[in-house]
Amino acid sequence: PAITALEDALWAGRAARVHVIFDGRPHTAALGGTSAAHELFATV
């Protein structure tokens, strides 16, 4: 549920004024299993 919460924060967090900063490249398998999670980062 923690990883699901993080995915939700990545997908809809800005609408709720929640912003996520990662140190390092997020592991694709842990974030939904596809590269779609990488597309959620506005700035790299």
PDB file of all heavy atoms in Angstrom:
ATOM      1  N   PRO A   1       0.819  -1.211   0.000  1.00  0.00           N
ATOM      2  CA  PRO A   1       0.000   0.000   0.000  1.00  0.00           C
ATOM      3  C   PRO A   1       0.859   1.269   0.000  1.00  0.00           C
ATOM      4  O   PRO A   1       0.435   2.305  -0.497  1.00  0.00           O
ATOM      5  CB  PRO A   1      -0.826  -0.097   1.277  1.00  0.00           C
ATOM      6  CG  PRO A   1      -0.463  -1.350   1.945  1.00  0.00           C
ATOM      7  CD  PRO A   1       0.562  -2.065   1.143  1.00  0.00           C
ATOM      8  N   ALA A   2       2.066   1.185   0.515  1.00  0.00           N
ATOM      9  CA  ALA A   2       2.965   2.340   0.496  1.00  0.00           C
ATOM     10  C   ALA A   2       3.395   2.650  -0.932  1.00  0.00           C
ATOM     11  O   ALA A   2       3.437   3.809  -1.342  1.00  0.00           O
ATOM     12  CB  ALA A   2       4.178   2.071   1.376  1.00  0.00           C
ATOM     13  N   ILE A   3       3.704   1.620  -1.709  1.00  0.00           N
ATOM     14  CA  ILE A   3       4.096   1.827  -3.106  1.00  0.00           C
ATOM     15  C   ILE A   3       2.901   2.307  -3.917  1.00  0.00           C
ATOM     16  O   ILE A   3       3.030   3.193  -4.761  1.00  0.00           O
ATOM     17  CB  ILE A   3       4.716   0.551  -3.695  1.00  0.00           C
ATOM     18  CG1 ILE A   3       6.054   0.266  -2.997  1.00  0.00           C
ATOM     19  CG2 ILE A   3       4.905   0.671  -5.200  1.00  0.00           C
ATOM     20  CD1 ILE A   3       6.714  -1.030  -3.391  1.00  0.00           C
ATOM     21  N   THR A   4       1.720   1.768  -3.633  1.00  0.00           N
ATOM     22  CA  THR A   4       0.504   2.235  -4.301  1.00  0.00           C
ATOM     23  C   THR A   4       0.261   3.704  -3.985  1.00  0.00           C
ATOM     24  O   THR A   4      -0.093   4.493  -4.874  1.00  0.00           O
ATOM     25  CB  THR A   4      -0.702   1.388  -3.866  1.00  0.00           C
ATOM     26  OG1 THR A   4      -0.456   0.017  -4.208  1.00  0.00           O
ATOM     27  CG2 THR A   4      -1.980   1.850  -4.535  1.00  0.00           C
ATOM     28  N   ALA A   5       0.466   4.094  -2.726  1.00  0.00           N
ATOM     29  CA  ALA A   5       0.294   5.503  -2.335  1.00  0.00           C
ATOM     30  C   ALA A   5       1.282   6.396  -3.070  1.00  0.00           C
ATOM     31  O   ALA A   5       0.930   7.497  -3.511  1.00  0.00           O
ATOM     32  CB  ALA A   5       0.470   5.645  -0.826  1.00  0.00           C
ATOM     33  N   LEU A   6       2.498   5.916  -3.219  1.00  0.00           N
ATOM     34  CA  LEU A   6       3.504   6.685  -3.941  1.00  0.00           C
ATOM     35  C   LEU A   6       3.133   6.819  -5.418  1.00  0.00           C
ATOM     36  O   LEU A   6       3.256   7.890  -6.012  1.00  0.00           O
ATOM     37  CB  LEU A   6       4.870   6.035  -3.777  1.00  0.00           C
ATOM     38  CG  LEU A   6       6.064   6.798  -4.292  1.00  0.00           C
ATOM     39  CD1 LEU A   6       6.157   8.177  -3.665  1.00  0.00           C
ATOM     40  CD2 LEU A   6       7.338   6.014  -4.015  1.00  0.00           C
ATOM     41  N   GLU A   7       2.668   5.738  -6.026  1.00  0.00           N
ATOM     42  CA  GLU A   7       2.199   5.800  -7.415  1.00  0.00           C
ATOM     43  C   GLU A   7       1.063   6.805  -7.557  1.00  0.00           C
ATOM     44  O   GLU A   7       1.037   7.599  -8.495  1.00  0.00           O
ATOM     45  CB  GLU A   7       1.725   4.430  -7.886  1.00  0.00           C
ATOM     46  CG  GLU A   7       2.810   3.428  -8.111  1.00  0.00           C
ATOM     47  CD  GLU A   7       2.262   2.044  -8.442  1.00  0.00           C
ATOM     48  OE1 GLU A   7       1.032   1.820  -8.296  1.00  0.00           O
ATOM     49  OE2 GLU A   7       3.052   1.185  -8.828  1.00  0.00           O
ATOM     50  N   ASP A   8       0.114   6.771  -6.615  1.00  0.00           N
ATOM     51  CA  ASP A   8      -1.009   7.706  -6.654  1.00  0.00           C
ATOM     52  C   ASP A   8      -0.527   9.145  -6.515  1.00  0.00           C
ATOM     53  O   ASP A   8      -1.037  10.051  -7.184  1.00  0.00           O
ATOM     54  CB  ASP A   8      -2.021   7.387  -5.555  1.00  0.00           C
ATOM     55  CG  ASP A   8      -2.756   6.086  -5.792  1.00  0.00           C
ATOM     56  OD1 ASP A   8      -2.683   5.547  -6.925  1.00  0.00           O
ATOM     57  OD2 ASP A   8      -3.395   5.593  -4.839  1.00  0.00           O
ATOM     58  N   ALA A   9       0.462   9.358  -5.655  1.00  0.00           N
ATOM     59  CA  ALA A   9       1.013  10.709  -5.484  1.00  0.00           C
ATOM     60  C   ALA A   9       1.698  11.168  -6.763  1.00  0.00           C
ATOM     61  O   ALA A   9       1.644  12.347  -7.115  1.00  0.00           O
ATOM     62  CB  ALA A   9       1.986  10.740  -4.311  1.00  0.00           C
ATOM     63  N   LEU A  10       2.317  10.247  -7.489  1.00  0.00           N
ATOM     64  CA  LEU A  10       2.943  10.600  -8.756  1.00  0.00           C
ATOM     65  C   LEU A  10       1.890  10.929  -9.812  1.00  0.00           C
ATOM     66  O   LEU A  10       2.042  11.864 -10.592  1.00  0.00           O
ATOM     67  CB  LEU A  10       3.842   9.470  -9.247  1.00  0.00           C
ATOM     68  CG  LEU A  10       5.135   9.261  -8.471  1.00  0.00           C
ATOM     69  CD1 LEU A  10       5.805   7.971  -8.910  1.00  0.00           C
ATOM     70  CD2 LEU A  10       6.064  10.441  -8.669  1.00  0.00           C
ATOM     71  N   TRP A  11       0.816  10.149  -9.860  1.00  0.00           N
ATOM     72  CA  TRP A  11      -0.209  10.343 -10.883  1.00  0.00           C
ATOM     73  C   TRP A  11      -1.078  11.565 -10.620  1.00  0.00           C
ATOM     74  O   TRP A  11      -1.360  12.331 -11.526  1.00  0.00           O
ATOM     75  CB  TRP A  11      -1.109   9.111 -10.994  1.00  0.00           C
ATOM     76  CG  TRP A  11      -0.482   7.992 -11.741  1.00  0.00           C
ATOM     77  CD1 TRP A  11       0.086   6.874 -11.212  1.00  0.00           C
ATOM     78  CD2 TRP A  11      -0.303   7.888 -13.161  1.00  0.00           C
ATOM     79  NE1 TRP A  11       0.595   6.076 -12.216  1.00  0.00           N
ATOM     80  CE2 TRP A  11       0.368   6.683 -13.416  1.00  0.00           C
ATOM     81  CE3 TRP A  11      -0.652   8.703 -14.228  1.00  0.00           C
ATOM     82  CZ2 TRP A  11       0.687   6.269 -14.700  1.00  0.00           C
ATOM     83  CZ3 TRP A  11      -0.323   8.284 -15.508  1.00  0.00           C
ATOM     84  CH2 TRP A  11       0.338   7.082 -15.731  1.00  0.00           C
ATOM     85  N   ALA A  12      -1.533  11.738  -9.387  1.00  0.00           N
ATOM     86  CA  ALA A  12      -2.517  12.794  -9.105  1.00  0.00           C
ATOM     87  C   ALA A  12      -2.060  13.757  -8.025  1.00  0.00           C
ATOM     88  O   ALA A  12      -2.822  14.604  -7.600  1.00  0.00           O
ATOM     89  CB  ALA A  12      -3.836  12.154  -8.688  1.00  0.00           C
ATOM     90  N   GLY A  13      -0.830  13.628  -7.599  1.00  0.00           N
ATOM     91  CA  GLY A  13      -0.352  14.427  -6.479  1.00  0.00           C
ATOM     92  C   GLY A  13      -0.363  15.922  -6.701  1.00  0.00           C
ATOM     93  O   GLY A  13      -0.710  16.684  -5.809  1.00  0.00           O
ATOM     94  N   ARG A  14       0.002  16.363  -7.896  1.00  0.00           N
ATOM     95  CA  ARG A  14       0.039  17.812  -8.133  1.00  0.00           C
ATOM     96  C   ARG A  14      -1.335  18.429  -7.969  1.00  0.00           C
ATOM     97  O   ARG A  14      -1.463  19.547  -7.507  1.00  0.00           O
ATOM     98  CB  ARG A  14       0.620  18.110  -9.508  1.00  0.00           C
ATOM     99  CG  ARG A  14       2.110  17.858  -9.561  1.00  0.00           C
ATOM    100  CD  ARG A  14       2.659  18.234 -10.910  1.00  0.00           C
ATOM    101  NE  ARG A  14       2.018  17.447 -11.954  1.00  0.00           N
ATOM    102  CZ  ARG A  14       2.646  16.640 -12.779  1.00  0.00           C
ATOM    103  NH1 ARG A  14       3.932  16.507 -12.708  1.00  0.00           N
ATOM    104  NH2 ARG A  14       1.999  15.961 -13.680  1.00  0.00           N
ATOM    105  N   ALA A  15      -2.387  17.713  -8.346  1.00  0.00           N
ATOM    106  CA  ALA A  15      -3.748  18.234  -8.179  1.00  0.00           C
ATOM    107  C   ALA A  15      -4.082  18.408  -6.700  1.00  0.00           C
ATOM    108  O   ALA A  15      -4.873  19.267  -6.338  1.00  0.00           O
ATOM    109  CB  ALA A  15      -4.751  17.306  -8.844  1.00  0.00           C
ATOM    110  N   ALA A  16      -3.455  17.599  -5.843  1.00  0.00           N
ATOM    111  CA  ALA A  16      -3.685  17.679  -4.397  1.00  0.00           C
ATOM    112  C   ALA A  16      -2.592  18.481  -3.698  1.00  0.00           C
ATOM    113  O   ALA A  16      -2.513  18.483  -2.482  1.00  0.00           O
ATOM    114  CB  ALA A  16      -3.756  16.275  -3.805  1.00  0.00           C
ATOM    115  N   ARG A  17      -1.736  19.122  -4.495  1.00  0.00           N
ATOM    116  CA  ARG A  17      -0.604  19.898  -3.972  1.00  0.00           C
ATOM    117  C   ARG A  17       0.385  19.008  -3.215  1.00  0.00           C
ATOM    118  O   ARG A  17       0.920  19.371  -2.189  1.00  0.00           O
ATOM    119  CB  ARG A  17      -1.087  21.070  -3.128  1.00  0.00           C
ATOM    120  CG  ARG A  17      -1.882  22.066  -3.964  1.00  0.00           C
ATOM    121  CD  ARG A  17      -2.439  23.210  -3.176  1.00  0.00           C
ATOM    122  NE  ARG A  17      -1.455  24.047  -2.543  1.00  0.00           N
ATOM    123  CZ  ARG A  17      -0.952  25.170  -3.053  1.00  0.00           C
ATOM    124  NH1 ARG A  17      -1.343  25.575  -4.234  1.00  0.00           N
ATOM    125  NH2 ARG A  17      -0.075  25.888  -2.383  1.00  0.00           N
ATOM    126  N   VAL A  18       0.601  17.814  -3.763  1.00  0.00           N
ATOM    127  CA  VAL A  18       1.583  16.862  -3.241  1.00  0.00           C
ATOM    128  C   VAL A  18       2.621  16.662  -4.340  1.00  0.00           C
ATOM    129  O   VAL A  18       2.275  16.321  -5.471  1.00  0.00           O
ATOM    130  CB  VAL A  18       0.939  15.509  -2.868  1.00  0.00           C
ATOM    131  CG1 VAL A  18       1.990  14.507  -2.427  1.00  0.00           C
ATOM    132  CG2 VAL A  18      -0.115  15.694  -1.788  1.00  0.00           C
ATOM    133  N   HIS A  19       3.897  16.865  -4.004  1.00  0.00           N
ATOM    134  CA  HIS A  19       4.972  16.775  -4.987  1.00  0.00           C
ATOM    135  C   HIS A  19       6.002  15.763  -4.506  1.00  0.00           C
ATOM    136  O   HIS A  19       6.317  15.705  -3.325  1.00  0.00           O
ATOM    137  CB  HIS A  19       5.610  18.146  -5.195  1.00  0.00           C
ATOM    138  CG  HIS A  19       4.594  19.192  -5.536  1.00  0.00           C
ATOM    139  ND1 HIS A  19       4.140  19.388  -6.814  1.00  0.00           N
ATOM    140  CD2 HIS A  19       3.911  20.064  -4.753  1.00  0.00           C
ATOM    141  CE1 HIS A  19       3.237  20.348  -6.814  1.00  0.00           C
ATOM    142  NE2 HIS A  19       3.082  20.772  -5.576  1.00  0.00           N
ATOM    143  N   VAL A  20       6.519  14.967  -5.427  1.00  0.00           N
ATOM    144  CA  VAL A  20       7.448  13.896  -5.095  1.00  0.00           C
ATOM    145  C   VAL A  20       8.807  14.198  -5.717  1.00  0.00           C
ATOM    146  O   VAL A  20       8.898  14.519  -6.898  1.00  0.00           O
ATOM    147  CB  VAL A  20       6.927  12.531  -5.601  1.00  0.00           C
ATOM    148  CG1 VAL A  20       7.910  11.417  -5.272  1.00  0.00           C
ATOM    149  CG2 VAL A  20       5.552  12.230  -5.009  1.00  0.00           C
ATOM    150  N   ILE A  21       9.852  14.064  -4.898  1.00  0.00           N
ATOM    151  CA  ILE A  21      11.229  14.227  -5.355  1.00  0.00           C
ATOM    152  C   ILE A  21      11.951  12.914  -5.081  1.00  0.00           C
ATOM    153  O   ILE A  21      11.939  12.428  -3.953  1.00  0.00           O
ATOM    154  CB  ILE A  21      11.941  15.378  -4.608  1.00  0.00           C
ATOM    155  CG1 ILE A  21      11.212  16.696  -4.870  1.00  0.00           C
ATOM    156  CG2 ILE A  21      13.400  15.463  -5.025  1.00  0.00           C
ATOM    157  CD1 ILE A  21      11.718  17.835  -4.024  1.00  0.00           C
ATOM    158  N   PHE A  22      12.553  12.349  -6.118  1.00  0.00           N
ATOM    159  CA  PHE A  22      13.302  11.102  -5.995  1.00  0.00           C
ATOM    160  C   PHE A  22      14.781  11.383  -6.077  1.00  0.00           C
ATOM    161  O   PHE A  22      15.215  12.154  -6.928  1.00  0.00           O
ATOM    162  CB  PHE A  22      12.947  10.151  -7.144  1.00  0.00           C
ATOM    163  CG  PHE A  22      11.828   9.210  -6.855  1.00  0.00           C
ATOM    164  CD1 PHE A  22      10.553   9.686  -6.650  1.00  0.00           C
ATOM    165  CD2 PHE A  22      12.037   7.857  -6.813  1.00  0.00           C
ATOM    166  CE1 PHE A  22       9.511   8.826  -6.401  1.00  0.00           C
ATOM    167  CE2 PHE A  22      11.008   6.984  -6.576  1.00  0.00           C
ATOM    168  CZ  PHE A  22       9.738   7.471  -6.365  1.00  0.00           C
ATOM    169  N   ASP A  23      15.543  10.720  -5.242  1.00  0.00           N
ATOM    170  CA  ASP A  23      17.000  10.723  -5.365  1.00  0.00           C
ATOM    171  C   ASP A  23      17.359   9.410  -6.043  1.00  0.00           C
ATOM    172  O   ASP A  23      17.304   8.349  -5.435  1.00  0.00           O
ATOM    173  CB  ASP A  23      17.663  10.810  -3.991  1.00  0.00           C
ATOM    174  CG  ASP A  23      19.173  10.669  -4.063  1.00  0.00           C
ATOM    175  OD1 ASP A  23      19.746  10.919  -5.138  1.00  0.00           O
ATOM    176  OD2 ASP A  23      19.773  10.281  -3.049  1.00  0.00           O
ATOM    177  N   GLY A  24      17.672   9.490  -7.292  1.00  0.00           N
ATOM    178  CA  GLY A  24      17.976   8.287  -8.057  1.00  0.00           C
ATOM    179  C   GLY A  24      16.859   7.996  -9.030  1.00  0.00           C
ATOM    180  O   GLY A  24      15.794   8.583  -8.991  1.00  0.00           O
ATOM    181  N   ARG A  25      17.138   7.083  -9.920  1.00  0.00           N
ATOM    182  CA  ARG A  25      16.163   6.706 -10.931  1.00  0.00           C
ATOM    183  C   ARG A  25      15.201   5.695 -10.335  1.00  0.00           C
ATOM    184  O   ARG A  25      15.625   4.650  -9.842  1.00  0.00           O
ATOM    185  CB  ARG A  25      16.904   6.101 -12.115  1.00  0.00           C
ATOM    186  CG  ARG A  25      16.076   6.056 -13.358  1.00  0.00           C
ATOM    187  CD  ARG A  25      16.966   5.722 -14.530  1.00  0.00           C
ATOM    188  NE  ARG A  25      16.557   4.434 -15.030  1.00  0.00           N
ATOM    189  CZ  ARG A  25      17.328   3.680 -15.784  1.00  0.00           C
ATOM    190  NH1 ARG A  25      18.527   4.045 -16.101  1.00  0.00           N
ATOM    191  NH2 ARG A  25      16.881   2.539 -16.212  1.00  0.00           N
ATOM    192  N   PRO A  26      13.889   5.955 -10.344  1.00  0.00           N
ATOM    193  CA  PRO A  26      12.955   5.008  -9.738  1.00  0.00           C
ATOM    194  C   PRO A  26      12.925   3.680 -10.476  1.00  0.00           C
ATOM    195  O   PRO A  26      12.964   3.650 -11.695  1.00  0.00           O
ATOM    196  CB  PRO A  26      11.605   5.717  -9.826  1.00  0.00           C
ATOM    197  CG  PRO A  26      11.778   6.720 -10.902  1.00  0.00           C
ATOM    198  CD  PRO A  26      13.226   7.091 -10.937  1.00  0.00           C
ATOM    199  N   HIS A  27      12.888   2.616  -9.738  1.00  0.00           N
ATOM    200  CA  HIS A  27      12.869   1.266 -10.291  1.00  0.00           C
ATOM    201  C   HIS A  27      11.512   1.015 -10.934  1.00  0.00           C
ATOM    202  O   HIS A  27      10.483   1.091 -10.286  1.00  0.00           O
ATOM    203  CB  HIS A  27      13.130   0.261  -9.169  1.00  0.00           C
ATOM    204  CG  HIS A  27      13.410  -1.107  -9.674  1.00  0.00           C
ATOM    205  ND1 HIS A  27      12.417  -1.998  -9.962  1.00  0.00           N
ATOM    206  CD2 HIS A  27      14.573  -1.723  -9.954  1.00  0.00           C
ATOM    207  CE1 HIS A  27      12.957  -3.125 -10.396  1.00  0.00           C
ATOM    208  NE2 HIS A  27      14.253  -2.988 -10.397  1.00  0.00           N
ATOM    209  N   THR A  28      11.522   0.725 -12.209  1.00  0.00           N
ATOM    210  CA  THR A  28      10.287   0.579 -12.966  1.00  0.00           C
ATOM    211  C   THR A  28       9.412  -0.548 -12.433  1.00  0.00           C
ATOM    212  O   THR A  28       8.201  -0.403 -12.357  1.00  0.00           O
ATOM    213  CB  THR A  28      10.609   0.301 -14.449  1.00  0.00           C
ATOM    214  OG1 THR A  28      11.678   1.131 -14.843  1.00  0.00           O
ATOM    215  CG2 THR A  28       9.436   0.592 -15.329  1.00  0.00           C
ATOM    216  N   ALA A  29       9.997  -1.662 -12.049  1.00  0.00           N
ATOM    217  CA  ALA A  29       9.202  -2.799 -11.587  1.00  0.00           C
ATOM    218  C   ALA A  29       8.431  -2.463 -10.320  1.00  0.00           C
ATOM    219  O   ALA A  29       7.310  -2.921 -10.128  1.00  0.00           O
ATOM    220  CB  ALA A  29      10.101  -4.000 -11.345  1.00  0.00           C
ATOM    221  N   ALA A  30       8.999  -1.643  -9.457  1.00  0.00           N
ATOM    222  CA  ALA A  30       8.324  -1.284  -8.215  1.00  0.00           C
ATOM    223  C   ALA A  30       7.211  -0.273  -8.450  1.00  0.00           C
ATOM    224  O   ALA A  30       6.260  -0.208  -7.691  1.00  0.00           O
ATOM    225  CB  ALA A  30       9.323  -0.730  -7.210  1.00  0.00           C
ATOM    226  N   LEU A  31       7.319   0.517  -9.487  1.00  0.00           N
ATOM    227  CA  LEU A  31       6.303   1.530  -9.781  1.00  0.00           C
ATOM    228  C   LEU A  31       5.437   1.095 -10.956  1.00  0.00           C
ATOM    229  O   LEU A  31       5.530   1.612 -12.050  1.00  0.00           O
ATOM    230  CB  LEU A  31       6.960   2.882 -10.097  1.00  0.00           C
ATOM    231  CG  LEU A  31       7.613   3.577  -8.934  1.00  0.00           C
ATOM    232  CD1 LEU A  31       8.316   4.843  -9.400  1.00  0.00           C
ATOM    233  CD2 LEU A  31       6.594   3.918  -7.865  1.00  0.00           C
ATOM    234  N   GLY A  32       4.604   0.138 -10.728  1.00  0.00           N
ATOM    235  CA  GLY A  32       3.638  -0.259 -11.735  1.00  0.00           C
ATOM    236  C   GLY A  32       4.137  -1.217 -12.794  1.00  0.00           C
ATOM    237  O   GLY A  32       3.361  -1.681 -13.603  1.00  0.00           O
ATOM    238  N   GLY A  33       5.434  -1.494 -12.835  1.00  0.00           N
ATOM    239  CA  GLY A  33       5.954  -2.481 -13.760  1.00  0.00           C
ATOM    240  C   GLY A  33       6.141  -2.011 -15.193  1.00  0.00           C
ATOM    241  O   GLY A  33       6.535  -2.776 -16.040  1.00  0.00           O
ATOM    242  N   THR A  34       5.839  -0.742 -15.484  1.00  0.00           N
ATOM    243  CA  THR A  34       6.050  -0.230 -16.834  1.00  0.00           C
ATOM    244  C   THR A  34       6.861   1.055 -16.766  1.00  0.00           C
ATOM    245  O   THR A  34       7.087   1.602 -15.695  1.00  0.00           O
ATOM    246  CB  THR A  34       4.710   0.088 -17.538  1.00  0.00           C
ATOM    247  OG1 THR A  34       4.095   1.182 -16.851  1.00  0.00           O
ATOM    248  CG2 THR A  34       3.782  -1.100 -17.540  1.00  0.00           C
ATOM    249  N   SER A  35       7.261   1.543 -17.897  1.00  0.00           N
ATOM    250  CA  SER A  35       8.021   2.788 -17.924  1.00  0.00           C
ATOM    251  C   SER A  35       7.123   4.005 -17.783  1.00  0.00           C
ATOM    252  O   SER A  35       7.603   5.126 -17.766  1.00  0.00           O
ATOM    253  CB  SER A  35       8.835   2.877 -19.212  1.00  0.00           C
ATOM    254  OG  SER A  35       7.958   2.911 -20.318  1.00  0.00           O
ATOM    255  N   ALA A  36       5.805   3.820 -17.670  1.00  0.00           N
ATOM    256  CA  ALA A  36       4.880   4.944 -17.545  1.00  0.00           C
ATOM    257  C   ALA A  36       5.189   5.792 -16.315  1.00  0.00           C
ATOM    258  O   ALA A  36       4.993   6.999 -16.330  1.00  0.00           O
ATOM    259  CB  ALA A  36       3.445   4.443 -17.489  1.00  0.00           C
ATOM    260  N   ALA A  37       5.685   5.164 -15.264  1.00  0.00           N
ATOM    261  CA  ALA A  37       6.006   5.915 -14.046  1.00  0.00           C
ATOM    262  C   ALA A  37       7.088   6.948 -14.309  1.00  0.00           C
ATOM    263  O   ALA A  37       7.071   8.040 -13.733  1.00  0.00           O
ATOM    264  CB  ALA A  37       6.448   4.965 -12.947  1.00  0.00           C
ATOM    265  N   HIS A  38       8.023   6.652 -15.201  1.00  0.00           N
ATOM    266  CA  HIS A  38       9.089   7.600 -15.519  1.00  0.00           C
ATOM    267  C   HIS A  38       8.533   8.863 -16.164  1.00  0.00           C
ATOM    268  O   HIS A  38       9.094   9.927 -16.026  1.00  0.00           O
ATOM    269  CB  HIS A  38      10.128   6.966 -16.443  1.00  0.00           C
ATOM    270  CG  HIS A  38      10.916   5.892 -15.780  1.00  0.00           C
ATOM    271  ND1 HIS A  38      11.870   6.151 -14.826  1.00  0.00           N
ATOM    272  CD2 HIS A  38      10.872   4.551 -15.915  1.00  0.00           C
ATOM    273  CE1 HIS A  38      12.390   5.014 -14.414  1.00  0.00           C
ATOM    274  NE2 HIS A  38      11.800   4.024 -15.058  1.00  0.00           N
ATOM    275  N   GLU A  39       7.427   8.728 -16.877  1.00  0.00           N
ATOM    276  CA  GLU A  39       6.844   9.870 -17.563  1.00  0.00           C
ATOM    277  C   GLU A  39       6.182  10.845 -16.605  1.00  0.00           C
ATOM    278  O   GLU A  39       5.829  11.953 -16.992  1.00  0.00           O
ATOM    279  CB  GLU A  39       5.847   9.385 -18.607  1.00  0.00           C
ATOM    280  CG  GLU A  39       6.504   8.576 -19.701  1.00  0.00           C
ATOM    281  CD  GLU A  39       5.497   7.973 -20.653  1.00  0.00           C
ATOM    282  OE1 GLU A  39       4.316   8.353 -20.595  1.00  0.00           O
ATOM    283  OE2 GLU A  39       5.893   7.116 -21.457  1.00  0.00           O
ATOM    284  N   LEU A  40       6.012  10.467 -15.363  1.00  0.00           N
ATOM    285  CA  LEU A  40       5.347  11.326 -14.393  1.00  0.00           C
ATOM    286  C   LEU A  40       6.275  12.375 -13.802  1.00  0.00           C
ATOM    287  O   LEU A  40       5.824  13.280 -13.119  1.00  0.00           O
ATOM    288  CB  LEU A  40       4.757  10.473 -13.269  1.00  0.00           C
ATOM    289  CG  LEU A  40       3.725   9.466 -13.747  1.00  0.00           C
ATOM    290  CD1 LEU A  40       3.319   8.559 -12.606  1.00  0.00           C
ATOM    291  CD2 LEU A  40       2.522  10.182 -14.304  1.00  0.00           C
ATOM    292  N   PHE A  41       7.548  12.258 -14.050  1.00  0.00           N
ATOM    293  CA  PHE A  41       8.499  13.223 -13.521  1.00  0.00           C
ATOM    294  C   PHE A  41       8.643  14.363 -14.512  1.00  0.00           C
ATOM    295  O   PHE A  41       9.099  14.175 -15.631  1.00  0.00           O
ATOM    296  CB  PHE A  41       9.846  12.553 -13.244  1.00  0.00           C
ATOM    297  CG  PHE A  41       9.770  11.578 -12.112  1.00  0.00           C
ATOM    298  CD1 PHE A  41       9.530  10.233 -12.355  1.00  0.00           C
ATOM    299  CD2 PHE A  41       9.900  12.006 -10.807  1.00  0.00           C
ATOM    300  CE1 PHE A  41       9.434   9.334 -11.313  1.00  0.00           C
ATOM    301  CE2 PHE A  41       9.802  11.113  -9.761  1.00  0.00           C
ATOM    302  CZ  PHE A  41       9.565   9.777 -10.015  1.00  0.00           C
ATOM    303  N   ALA A  42       8.250  15.567 -14.080  1.00  0.00           N
ATOM    304  CA  ALA A  42       8.282  16.724 -14.966  1.00  0.00           C
ATOM    305  C   ALA A  42       9.705  17.194 -15.217  1.00  0.00           C
ATOM    306  O   ALA A  42      10.024  17.688 -16.286  1.00  0.00           O
ATOM    307  CB  ALA A  42       7.453  17.856 -14.371  1.00  0.00           C
ATOM    308  N   THR A  43      10.569  17.054 -14.225  1.00  0.00           N
ATOM    309  CA  THR A  43      11.940  17.540 -14.340  1.00  0.00           C
ATOM    310  C   THR A  43      12.889  16.449 -13.891  1.00  0.00           C
ATOM    311  O   THR A  43      12.678  15.826 -12.855  1.00  0.00           O
ATOM    312  CB  THR A  43      12.155  18.783 -13.454  1.00  0.00           C
ATOM    313  OG1 THR A  43      11.199  19.771 -13.829  1.00  0.00           O
ATOM    314  CG2 THR A  43      13.546  19.336 -13.606  1.00  0.00           C
ATOM    315  N   VAL A  44      13.923  16.233 -14.672  1.00  0.00           N
ATOM    316  CA  VAL A  44      14.961  15.274 -14.307  1.00  0.00           C
ATOM    317  C   VAL A  44      16.271  16.042 -14.263  1.00  0.00           C
ATOM    318  O   VAL A  44      16.637  16.717 -15.220  1.00  0.00           O
ATOM    319  CB  VAL A  44      15.056  14.121 -15.342  1.00  0.00           C
ATOM    320  CG1 VAL A  44      16.189  13.174 -14.989  1.00  0.00           C
ATOM    321  CG2 VAL A  44      13.732  13.389 -15.433  1.00  0.00           C
TER     322      VAL A  44
END
